[in-house]
């Protein structure tokens, strides 16, 4: 986060410097207010660039065997440009190396680990172990004692990327 702040300040300084050069090249015909406006636009532009490239940057850092199975693109009122172009701020990753299949009377069960990445003022990562019944398309979250977490039962559609990666 500190490096983002430093980069934002330098983007503002760079844009202000360009405005100063343009002002001197036009022999001060450009108004004085162009310099702080350019600095503000430079900082805003870098912040927007940083927000929209976060998803690609984080996915490029994932280890081999990791696959993005879902993501959320949201709009926020304090970022009006996100209503035109929603920003990805949350995504879920499947660790394919952690998938373990077991054949039971109920069908094939797959135990897997999902990582949920969330962008906020600091990046937040949660991991959880899940059990997926490939025949019924039902998935539950498991706690540390390998017991089912209450209220975590959800259906997974066969067309979903998670189901395709785990159960095919």
N, C-alpha and C. Protein backbone atom coordinates (compact mmCIF):
# COMPACT_ATOMS: atom_id res chain seq x y z
N UNK A 1 0.82 -1.19 0.00
CA UNK A 1 0.00 0.00 0.00
C UNK A 1 0.86 1.26 0.00
N UNK A 2 1.97 1.23 0.72
CA UNK A 2 2.85 2.39 0.77
C UNK A 2 3.41 2.68 -0.62
N UNK A 3 3.73 1.61 -1.36
CA UNK A 3 4.30 1.80 -2.69
C UNK A 3 3.26 2.37 -3.65
N UNK A 4 2.00 2.02 -3.46
CA UNK A 4 0.95 2.61 -4.29
C UNK A 4 0.82 4.10 -4.02
N UNK A 5 0.94 4.48 -2.75
CA UNK A 5 0.88 5.90 -2.40
C UNK A 5 2.06 6.65 -3.01
N UNK A 6 3.25 6.09 -2.91
CA UNK A 6 4.44 6.71 -3.50
C UNK A 6 4.29 6.84 -5.01
N UNK A 7 3.80 5.79 -5.65
CA UNK A 7 3.61 5.82 -7.11
C UNK A 7 2.56 6.86 -7.51
N UNK A 8 1.51 7.00 -6.71
CA UNK A 8 0.48 7.99 -6.99
C UNK A 8 1.04 9.40 -6.90
N UNK A 9 1.84 9.65 -5.87
CA UNK A 9 2.46 10.97 -5.70
C UNK A 9 3.39 11.27 -6.87
N UNK A 10 4.19 10.29 -7.28
CA UNK A 10 5.10 10.52 -8.40
C UNK A 10 4.35 10.69 -9.72
N UNK A 11 3.23 10.02 -9.88
CA UNK A 11 2.42 10.24 -11.08
C UNK A 11 1.89 11.67 -11.11
N UNK A 12 1.47 12.18 -9.96
CA UNK A 12 1.03 13.57 -9.87
C UNK A 12 2.15 14.54 -10.15
N UNK A 13 3.33 14.26 -9.59
CA UNK A 13 4.48 15.14 -9.84
C UNK A 13 4.88 15.12 -11.30
N UNK A 14 4.84 13.95 -11.91
CA UNK A 14 5.18 13.85 -13.33
C UNK A 14 4.21 14.60 -14.21
N UNK A 15 2.92 14.47 -13.93
CA UNK A 15 1.92 15.19 -14.71
C UNK A 15 2.05 16.70 -14.50
N UNK A 16 2.34 17.12 -13.27
CA UNK A 16 2.54 18.55 -13.00
C UNK A 16 3.78 19.05 -13.73
N UNK A 17 4.83 18.24 -13.78
CA UNK A 17 6.04 18.61 -14.51
C UNK A 17 5.78 18.78 -16.00
N UNK A 18 4.98 17.88 -16.56
CA UNK A 18 4.63 18.01 -17.98
C UNK A 18 3.84 19.29 -18.21
N UNK A 19 2.92 19.61 -17.30
CA UNK A 19 2.14 20.85 -17.42
C UNK A 19 3.05 22.07 -17.31
N UNK A 20 4.04 22.03 -16.43
CA UNK A 20 5.00 23.14 -16.32
C UNK A 20 5.80 23.32 -17.60
N UNK A 21 6.22 22.20 -18.19
CA UNK A 21 6.97 22.27 -19.44
C UNK A 21 6.09 22.85 -20.55
N UNK A 22 4.85 22.39 -20.64
CA UNK A 22 3.93 22.93 -21.65
C UNK A 22 3.68 24.42 -21.43
N UNK A 23 3.60 24.81 -20.18
CA UNK A 23 3.38 26.22 -19.87
C UNK A 23 4.59 27.07 -20.27
N UNK A 24 5.78 26.53 -20.05
CA UNK A 24 6.98 27.29 -20.44
C UNK A 24 7.17 27.28 -21.96
N UNK A 25 6.78 26.20 -22.64
CA UNK A 25 6.89 26.15 -24.10
C UNK A 25 5.92 27.13 -24.77
N UNK A 26 4.79 27.39 -24.14
CA UNK A 26 3.83 28.34 -24.70
C UNK A 26 4.06 29.75 -24.16
N UNK A 27 5.21 29.98 -23.55
CA UNK A 27 5.60 31.28 -22.98
C UNK A 27 4.54 31.82 -22.01
N UNK A 28 4.12 30.90 -21.13
CA UNK A 28 3.18 31.20 -20.04
C UNK A 28 1.80 31.63 -20.54
N UNK A 29 1.42 31.18 -21.74
CA UNK A 29 0.08 31.47 -22.24
C UNK A 29 -0.96 30.54 -21.63
N UNK A 30 -0.53 29.35 -21.21
CA UNK A 30 -1.45 28.46 -20.49
C UNK A 30 -1.65 29.02 -19.09
N UNK A 31 -2.84 28.90 -18.53
CA UNK A 31 -3.11 29.45 -17.20
C UNK A 31 -2.33 28.68 -16.11
N UNK A 32 -2.12 29.34 -14.98
CA UNK A 32 -1.38 28.74 -13.87
C UNK A 32 -2.11 27.53 -13.29
N UNK A 33 -3.42 27.54 -13.33
CA UNK A 33 -4.18 26.46 -12.72
C UNK A 33 -4.00 25.13 -13.45
N UNK A 34 -3.39 25.14 -14.61
CA UNK A 34 -3.20 23.90 -15.37
C UNK A 34 -2.25 22.93 -14.63
N UNK A 35 -1.33 23.48 -13.84
CA UNK A 35 -0.35 22.64 -13.15
C UNK A 35 -1.02 21.80 -12.05
N UNK A 36 -1.76 22.37 -11.10
CA UNK A 36 -2.40 21.51 -10.09
C UNK A 36 -3.49 20.61 -10.69
N UNK A 37 -4.16 21.07 -11.73
CA UNK A 37 -5.17 20.22 -12.37
C UNK A 37 -4.50 19.01 -13.01
N UNK A 38 -3.38 19.24 -13.68
CA UNK A 38 -2.63 18.12 -14.28
C UNK A 38 -2.13 17.16 -13.21
N UNK A 39 -1.67 17.70 -12.08
CA UNK A 39 -1.21 16.83 -10.98
C UNK A 39 -2.36 15.98 -10.47
N UNK A 40 -3.51 16.57 -10.26
CA UNK A 40 -4.67 15.82 -9.79
C UNK A 40 -5.12 14.77 -10.79
N UNK A 41 -5.14 15.12 -12.07
CA UNK A 41 -5.52 14.16 -13.10
C UNK A 41 -4.50 13.02 -13.20
N UNK A 42 -3.23 13.35 -13.02
CA UNK A 42 -2.20 12.30 -13.04
C UNK A 42 -2.37 11.31 -11.90
N UNK A 43 -2.65 11.83 -10.71
CA UNK A 43 -2.85 10.95 -9.56
C UNK A 43 -4.12 10.12 -9.72
N UNK A 44 -5.20 10.75 -10.19
CA UNK A 44 -6.44 10.03 -10.41
C UNK A 44 -6.27 8.96 -11.50
N UNK A 45 -5.57 9.32 -12.56
CA UNK A 45 -5.33 8.37 -13.64
C UNK A 45 -4.54 7.16 -13.19
N UNK A 46 -3.51 7.38 -12.38
CA UNK A 46 -2.73 6.25 -11.88
C UNK A 46 -3.57 5.38 -10.94
N UNK A 47 -4.38 6.01 -10.10
CA UNK A 47 -5.22 5.24 -9.19
C UNK A 47 -6.20 4.35 -9.96
N UNK A 48 -6.80 4.90 -11.00
CA UNK A 48 -7.74 4.12 -11.81
C UNK A 48 -7.01 2.99 -12.51
N UNK A 49 -5.84 3.28 -13.07
CA UNK A 49 -5.03 2.25 -13.73
C UNK A 49 -4.69 1.13 -12.74
N UNK A 50 -4.29 1.50 -11.54
CA UNK A 50 -3.91 0.53 -10.52
C UNK A 50 -5.10 -0.35 -10.12
N UNK A 51 -6.28 0.24 -10.01
CA UNK A 51 -7.47 -0.53 -9.64
C UNK A 51 -7.86 -1.53 -10.72
N UNK A 52 -7.78 -1.13 -11.97
CA UNK A 52 -8.21 -2.00 -13.05
C UNK A 52 -7.18 -3.07 -13.42
N UNK A 53 -5.93 -2.89 -13.06
CA UNK A 53 -4.91 -3.90 -13.36
C UNK A 53 -4.64 -4.83 -12.18
N UNK A 54 -5.32 -4.61 -11.06
CA UNK A 54 -5.10 -5.43 -9.87
C UNK A 54 -5.38 -6.90 -10.14
N UNK A 55 -6.50 -7.21 -10.78
CA UNK A 55 -6.90 -8.59 -11.05
C UNK A 55 -5.84 -9.30 -11.91
N UNK A 56 -5.43 -8.70 -12.99
CA UNK A 56 -4.42 -9.32 -13.86
C UNK A 56 -3.08 -9.49 -13.13
N UNK A 57 -2.73 -8.49 -12.32
CA UNK A 57 -1.47 -8.57 -11.57
C UNK A 57 -1.50 -9.72 -10.57
N UNK A 58 -2.60 -9.84 -9.82
CA UNK A 58 -2.69 -10.91 -8.82
C UNK A 58 -2.74 -12.29 -9.47
N UNK A 59 -3.48 -12.43 -10.56
CA UNK A 59 -3.55 -13.73 -11.22
C UNK A 59 -2.21 -14.11 -11.84
N UNK A 60 -1.41 -13.14 -12.23
CA UNK A 60 -0.09 -13.47 -12.78
C UNK A 60 0.86 -13.97 -11.69
N UNK A 61 0.57 -13.69 -10.43
CA UNK A 61 1.42 -14.13 -9.33
C UNK A 61 1.03 -15.50 -8.78
N UNK A 62 -0.06 -16.07 -9.26
CA UNK A 62 -0.52 -17.36 -8.75
C UNK A 62 0.44 -18.47 -9.16
N UNK A 63 0.62 -19.46 -8.28
CA UNK A 63 1.50 -20.58 -8.63
C UNK A 63 0.87 -21.49 -9.68
N UNK A 64 1.70 -22.30 -10.30
CA UNK A 64 1.21 -23.24 -11.30
C UNK A 64 0.24 -24.22 -10.64
N UNK A 65 -0.81 -24.54 -11.34
CA UNK A 65 -1.82 -25.43 -10.79
C UNK A 65 -2.99 -24.68 -10.17
N UNK A 66 -2.94 -23.36 -10.16
CA UNK A 66 -4.03 -22.54 -9.64
C UNK A 66 -4.87 -22.03 -10.80
N UNK A 67 -6.19 -22.09 -10.61
CA UNK A 67 -7.11 -21.68 -11.66
C UNK A 67 -8.18 -20.78 -11.06
N UNK A 68 -8.44 -19.66 -11.71
CA UNK A 68 -9.52 -18.77 -11.27
C UNK A 68 -10.84 -19.40 -11.68
N UNK A 69 -11.71 -19.65 -10.69
CA UNK A 69 -12.99 -20.30 -10.97
C UNK A 69 -14.17 -19.32 -10.91
N UNK A 70 -13.99 -18.17 -10.30
CA UNK A 70 -15.05 -17.15 -10.31
C UNK A 70 -14.44 -15.81 -9.94
N UNK A 71 -15.13 -14.76 -10.36
CA UNK A 71 -14.72 -13.40 -9.99
C UNK A 71 -15.95 -12.52 -9.92
N UNK A 72 -15.81 -11.41 -9.22
CA UNK A 72 -16.89 -10.46 -9.06
C UNK A 72 -16.43 -9.09 -9.54
N UNK A 73 -17.18 -8.55 -10.48
CA UNK A 73 -16.92 -7.19 -10.97
C UNK A 73 -18.03 -6.30 -10.42
N UNK A 74 -17.64 -5.30 -9.66
CA UNK A 74 -18.62 -4.45 -8.97
C UNK A 74 -18.50 -3.00 -9.37
N UNK A 75 -19.57 -2.27 -9.13
CA UNK A 75 -19.60 -0.82 -9.33
C UNK A 75 -19.75 -0.16 -7.97
N UNK A 76 -19.11 1.00 -7.82
CA UNK A 76 -19.17 1.73 -6.56
C UNK A 76 -19.52 3.18 -6.82
N UNK A 77 -20.33 3.74 -5.96
CA UNK A 77 -20.81 5.10 -6.18
C UNK A 77 -19.67 6.13 -6.09
N UNK A 78 -18.67 5.86 -5.27
CA UNK A 78 -17.55 6.80 -5.13
C UNK A 78 -16.53 6.64 -6.25
N UNK A 79 -16.77 5.67 -7.12
CA UNK A 79 -15.96 5.50 -8.34
C UNK A 79 -16.94 5.47 -9.52
N UNK A 80 -17.40 6.63 -9.97
CA UNK A 80 -18.47 6.64 -10.97
C UNK A 80 -18.11 5.95 -12.29
N UNK A 81 -16.85 5.88 -12.65
CA UNK A 81 -16.43 5.22 -13.89
C UNK A 81 -16.69 3.72 -13.85
N UNK A 82 -16.87 3.15 -12.65
CA UNK A 82 -17.13 1.71 -12.55
C UNK A 82 -18.55 1.34 -12.98
N UNK A 83 -19.42 2.33 -13.12
CA UNK A 83 -20.76 2.02 -13.65
C UNK A 83 -20.69 1.73 -15.14
N UNK A 84 -19.74 2.34 -15.83
CA UNK A 84 -19.53 2.03 -17.25
C UNK A 84 -18.67 0.78 -17.43
N UNK A 85 -17.62 0.68 -16.63
CA UNK A 85 -16.69 -0.44 -16.70
C UNK A 85 -16.50 -1.00 -15.30
N UNK A 86 -17.32 -2.00 -14.90
CA UNK A 86 -17.19 -2.56 -13.55
C UNK A 86 -15.79 -3.09 -13.29
N UNK A 87 -15.36 -2.95 -12.04
CA UNK A 87 -14.00 -3.30 -11.64
C UNK A 87 -14.01 -4.62 -10.88
N UNK A 88 -13.11 -5.53 -11.25
CA UNK A 88 -12.98 -6.80 -10.56
C UNK A 88 -12.27 -6.56 -9.24
N UNK A 89 -12.96 -6.86 -8.13
CA UNK A 89 -12.36 -6.64 -6.83
C UNK A 89 -12.34 -7.88 -5.95
N UNK A 90 -12.89 -8.99 -6.44
CA UNK A 90 -12.90 -10.24 -5.69
C UNK A 90 -12.82 -11.40 -6.68
N UNK A 91 -11.99 -12.39 -6.37
CA UNK A 91 -11.99 -13.59 -7.20
C UNK A 91 -11.63 -14.80 -6.36
N UNK A 92 -12.04 -15.97 -6.85
CA UNK A 92 -11.82 -17.23 -6.15
C UNK A 92 -10.94 -18.12 -7.01
N UNK A 93 -9.97 -18.75 -6.36
CA UNK A 93 -8.98 -19.59 -7.04
C UNK A 93 -9.05 -21.00 -6.50
N UNK A 94 -9.02 -21.96 -7.40
CA UNK A 94 -8.95 -23.38 -7.03
C UNK A 94 -7.50 -23.83 -7.12
N UNK A 95 -7.03 -24.47 -6.06
CA UNK A 95 -5.70 -25.08 -6.07
C UNK A 95 -5.88 -26.51 -6.59
N UNK A 96 -5.59 -26.70 -7.89
CA UNK A 96 -5.82 -28.02 -8.50
C UNK A 96 -4.91 -29.09 -7.91
N UNK A 97 -3.79 -28.70 -7.34
CA UNK A 97 -2.89 -29.68 -6.73
C UNK A 97 -3.44 -30.23 -5.43
N UNK A 98 -4.45 -29.55 -4.85
CA UNK A 98 -5.00 -30.00 -3.57
C UNK A 98 -6.23 -30.89 -3.73
N UNK A 99 -6.72 -31.08 -4.95
CA UNK A 99 -7.94 -31.85 -5.17
C UNK A 99 -7.67 -33.33 -4.92
N UNK A 100 -8.51 -33.94 -4.06
CA UNK A 100 -8.40 -35.37 -3.76
C UNK A 100 -9.78 -35.99 -3.95
N UNK A 101 -9.85 -37.04 -4.78
CA UNK A 101 -11.13 -37.71 -5.05
C UNK A 101 -11.25 -38.97 -4.19
N UNK A 102 -12.50 -39.25 -3.83
CA UNK A 102 -12.80 -40.45 -3.06
C UNK A 102 -14.15 -40.98 -3.54
N UNK A 103 -14.19 -42.28 -3.87
CA UNK A 103 -15.43 -42.90 -4.32
C UNK A 103 -16.13 -43.51 -3.10
N UNK A 104 -17.41 -43.12 -2.90
CA UNK A 104 -18.20 -43.62 -1.77
C UNK A 104 -19.54 -44.15 -2.31
N UNK A 105 -20.40 -44.56 -1.40
CA UNK A 105 -21.73 -45.03 -1.78
C UNK A 105 -22.57 -43.89 -2.37
N UNK A 106 -22.31 -42.66 -1.93
CA UNK A 106 -23.04 -41.50 -2.44
C UNK A 106 -22.50 -41.00 -3.77
N UNK A 107 -21.42 -41.56 -4.24
CA UNK A 107 -20.81 -41.12 -5.48
C UNK A 107 -19.39 -40.64 -5.24
N UNK A 108 -18.88 -39.91 -6.18
CA UNK A 108 -17.52 -39.39 -6.09
C UNK A 108 -17.52 -38.09 -5.29
N UNK A 109 -16.69 -38.06 -4.26
CA UNK A 109 -16.51 -36.86 -3.45
C UNK A 109 -15.14 -36.29 -3.74
N UNK A 110 -15.06 -34.99 -3.86
CA UNK A 110 -13.79 -34.33 -4.11
C UNK A 110 -13.54 -33.33 -3.00
N UNK A 111 -12.38 -33.45 -2.37
CA UNK A 111 -11.98 -32.47 -1.36
C UNK A 111 -11.05 -31.48 -2.04
N UNK A 112 -11.29 -30.19 -1.85
CA UNK A 112 -10.52 -29.17 -2.55
C UNK A 112 -10.30 -27.96 -1.67
N UNK A 113 -9.33 -27.16 -2.05
CA UNK A 113 -9.02 -25.92 -1.33
C UNK A 113 -9.30 -24.74 -2.26
N UNK A 114 -10.10 -23.80 -1.76
CA UNK A 114 -10.40 -22.58 -2.50
C UNK A 114 -9.79 -21.39 -1.78
N UNK A 115 -9.23 -20.48 -2.56
CA UNK A 115 -8.67 -19.23 -2.03
C UNK A 115 -9.51 -18.08 -2.56
N UNK A 116 -9.91 -17.20 -1.66
CA UNK A 116 -10.71 -16.03 -2.06
C UNK A 116 -9.87 -14.77 -1.84
N UNK A 117 -9.61 -14.07 -2.93
CA UNK A 117 -8.84 -12.83 -2.89
C UNK A 117 -9.80 -11.66 -2.97
N UNK A 118 -9.59 -10.67 -2.09
CA UNK A 118 -10.45 -9.49 -2.07
C UNK A 118 -9.59 -8.24 -2.00
N UNK A 119 -9.90 -7.29 -2.88
CA UNK A 119 -9.16 -6.04 -2.89
C UNK A 119 -9.84 -5.06 -1.95
N UNK A 120 -9.07 -4.53 -1.04
CA UNK A 120 -9.51 -3.45 -0.17
C UNK A 120 -8.29 -2.57 0.04
N UNK A 121 -8.26 -1.78 1.08
CA UNK A 121 -7.07 -0.95 1.28
C UNK A 121 -5.82 -1.80 1.44
N UNK A 122 -5.98 -3.01 1.94
CA UNK A 122 -4.92 -4.02 1.88
C UNK A 122 -5.56 -5.28 1.30
N UNK A 123 -4.81 -6.03 0.52
CA UNK A 123 -5.36 -7.23 -0.08
C UNK A 123 -5.65 -8.26 1.00
N UNK A 124 -6.78 -8.93 0.85
CA UNK A 124 -7.24 -9.89 1.84
C UNK A 124 -7.38 -11.25 1.16
N UNK A 125 -6.80 -12.30 1.76
CA UNK A 125 -6.88 -13.65 1.21
C UNK A 125 -7.41 -14.59 2.28
N UNK A 126 -8.42 -15.37 1.92
CA UNK A 126 -8.95 -16.41 2.81
C UNK A 126 -8.86 -17.73 2.08
N UNK A 127 -8.56 -18.78 2.80
CA UNK A 127 -8.59 -20.11 2.18
C UNK A 127 -9.53 -20.99 3.00
N UNK A 128 -10.17 -21.92 2.29
CA UNK A 128 -11.09 -22.83 2.96
C UNK A 128 -11.12 -24.16 2.22
N UNK A 129 -11.33 -25.21 3.00
CA UNK A 129 -11.42 -26.56 2.46
C UNK A 129 -12.89 -26.87 2.21
N UNK A 130 -13.18 -27.45 1.06
CA UNK A 130 -14.55 -27.78 0.68
C UNK A 130 -14.63 -29.25 0.27
N UNK A 131 -15.84 -29.78 0.36
CA UNK A 131 -16.12 -31.14 -0.09
C UNK A 131 -17.23 -31.03 -1.13
N UNK A 132 -16.96 -31.54 -2.33
CA UNK A 132 -17.91 -31.45 -3.44
C UNK A 132 -18.37 -32.84 -3.84
N UNK A 133 -19.69 -33.05 -3.84
CA UNK A 133 -20.27 -34.30 -4.31
C UNK A 133 -20.52 -34.12 -5.80
N UNK A 134 -19.76 -34.85 -6.61
CA UNK A 134 -19.81 -34.66 -8.06
C UNK A 134 -21.13 -35.14 -8.67
N UNK A 135 -21.78 -36.14 -8.08
CA UNK A 135 -23.03 -36.64 -8.64
C UNK A 135 -24.20 -35.70 -8.32
N UNK A 136 -24.25 -35.21 -7.10
CA UNK A 136 -25.37 -34.35 -6.69
C UNK A 136 -25.12 -32.87 -6.97
N UNK A 137 -23.86 -32.50 -7.18
CA UNK A 137 -23.55 -31.09 -7.42
C UNK A 137 -23.69 -30.25 -6.18
N UNK A 138 -23.43 -30.83 -5.01
CA UNK A 138 -23.53 -30.11 -3.73
C UNK A 138 -22.14 -29.94 -3.14
N UNK A 139 -21.91 -28.77 -2.58
CA UNK A 139 -20.62 -28.48 -1.97
C UNK A 139 -20.82 -27.92 -0.57
N UNK A 140 -19.99 -28.36 0.36
CA UNK A 140 -20.01 -27.85 1.73
C UNK A 140 -18.59 -27.43 2.12
N UNK A 141 -18.54 -26.49 3.04
CA UNK A 141 -17.26 -26.05 3.58
C UNK A 141 -16.94 -26.90 4.80
N UNK A 142 -15.66 -27.23 4.97
CA UNK A 142 -15.22 -28.01 6.12
C UNK A 142 -14.40 -27.12 7.04
N UNK A 143 -14.55 -27.35 8.34
CA UNK A 143 -13.74 -26.61 9.29
C UNK A 143 -12.41 -27.34 9.53
N UNK A 144 -11.63 -26.89 10.48
CA UNK A 144 -10.30 -27.48 10.72
C UNK A 144 -10.36 -28.91 11.21
N UNK A 145 -11.47 -29.29 11.84
CA UNK A 145 -11.63 -30.67 12.31
C UNK A 145 -12.26 -31.56 11.23
N UNK A 146 -12.40 -31.04 10.01
CA UNK A 146 -12.99 -31.75 8.86
C UNK A 146 -14.48 -32.01 9.05
N UNK A 147 -15.15 -31.19 9.88
CA UNK A 147 -16.59 -31.27 10.05
C UNK A 147 -17.25 -30.23 9.15
N UNK A 148 -18.49 -30.50 8.75
CA UNK A 148 -19.22 -29.58 7.89
C UNK A 148 -19.56 -28.29 8.65
N UNK A 149 -19.33 -27.14 8.02
CA UNK A 149 -19.69 -25.86 8.60
C UNK A 149 -21.20 -25.67 8.40
N UNK A 150 -21.89 -25.33 9.46
CA UNK A 150 -23.35 -25.18 9.40
C UNK A 150 -23.73 -24.07 8.42
N UNK A 151 -24.71 -24.38 7.59
CA UNK A 151 -25.22 -23.39 6.65
C UNK A 151 -24.35 -23.16 5.43
N UNK A 152 -23.38 -24.03 5.18
CA UNK A 152 -22.47 -23.82 4.06
C UNK A 152 -22.83 -24.62 2.82
N UNK A 153 -23.91 -25.39 2.88
CA UNK A 153 -24.31 -26.21 1.74
C UNK A 153 -24.77 -25.32 0.60
N UNK A 154 -24.20 -25.55 -0.58
CA UNK A 154 -24.63 -24.82 -1.76
C UNK A 154 -24.53 -25.73 -2.98
N UNK A 155 -25.32 -25.40 -3.97
CA UNK A 155 -25.32 -26.18 -5.19
C UNK A 155 -24.31 -25.61 -6.17
N UNK A 156 -23.65 -26.53 -6.90
CA UNK A 156 -22.71 -26.14 -7.93
C UNK A 156 -23.24 -26.67 -9.26
N UNK A 157 -23.48 -25.79 -10.18
CA UNK A 157 -24.01 -26.16 -11.49
C UNK A 157 -22.93 -26.90 -12.28
N UNK A 158 -23.34 -27.89 -13.05
CA UNK A 158 -22.36 -28.69 -13.81
C UNK A 158 -21.62 -27.86 -14.85
N UNK A 159 -22.20 -26.75 -15.28
CA UNK A 159 -21.53 -25.89 -16.25
C UNK A 159 -20.53 -24.94 -15.61
N UNK A 160 -20.51 -24.87 -14.29
CA UNK A 160 -19.61 -23.96 -13.58
C UNK A 160 -18.16 -24.39 -13.76
N UNK A 161 -17.24 -23.44 -13.89
CA UNK A 161 -15.82 -23.78 -14.04
C UNK A 161 -15.29 -24.64 -12.90
N UNK A 162 -15.75 -24.38 -11.67
CA UNK A 162 -15.30 -25.17 -10.52
C UNK A 162 -15.67 -26.63 -10.71
N UNK A 163 -16.89 -26.90 -11.08
CA UNK A 163 -17.34 -28.28 -11.30
C UNK A 163 -16.56 -28.92 -12.44
N UNK A 164 -16.35 -28.20 -13.50
CA UNK A 164 -15.63 -28.73 -14.66
C UNK A 164 -14.18 -29.10 -14.30
N UNK A 165 -13.55 -28.29 -13.48
CA UNK A 165 -12.15 -28.53 -13.11
C UNK A 165 -12.02 -29.71 -12.14
N UNK A 166 -12.99 -29.86 -11.25
CA UNK A 166 -12.87 -30.85 -10.18
C UNK A 166 -13.46 -32.21 -10.56
N UNK A 167 -14.61 -32.21 -11.23
CA UNK A 167 -15.37 -33.45 -11.40
C UNK A 167 -15.28 -34.09 -12.77
N UNK A 168 -14.59 -33.56 -13.71
CA UNK A 168 -14.57 -34.24 -15.02
C UNK A 168 -13.54 -35.31 -15.11
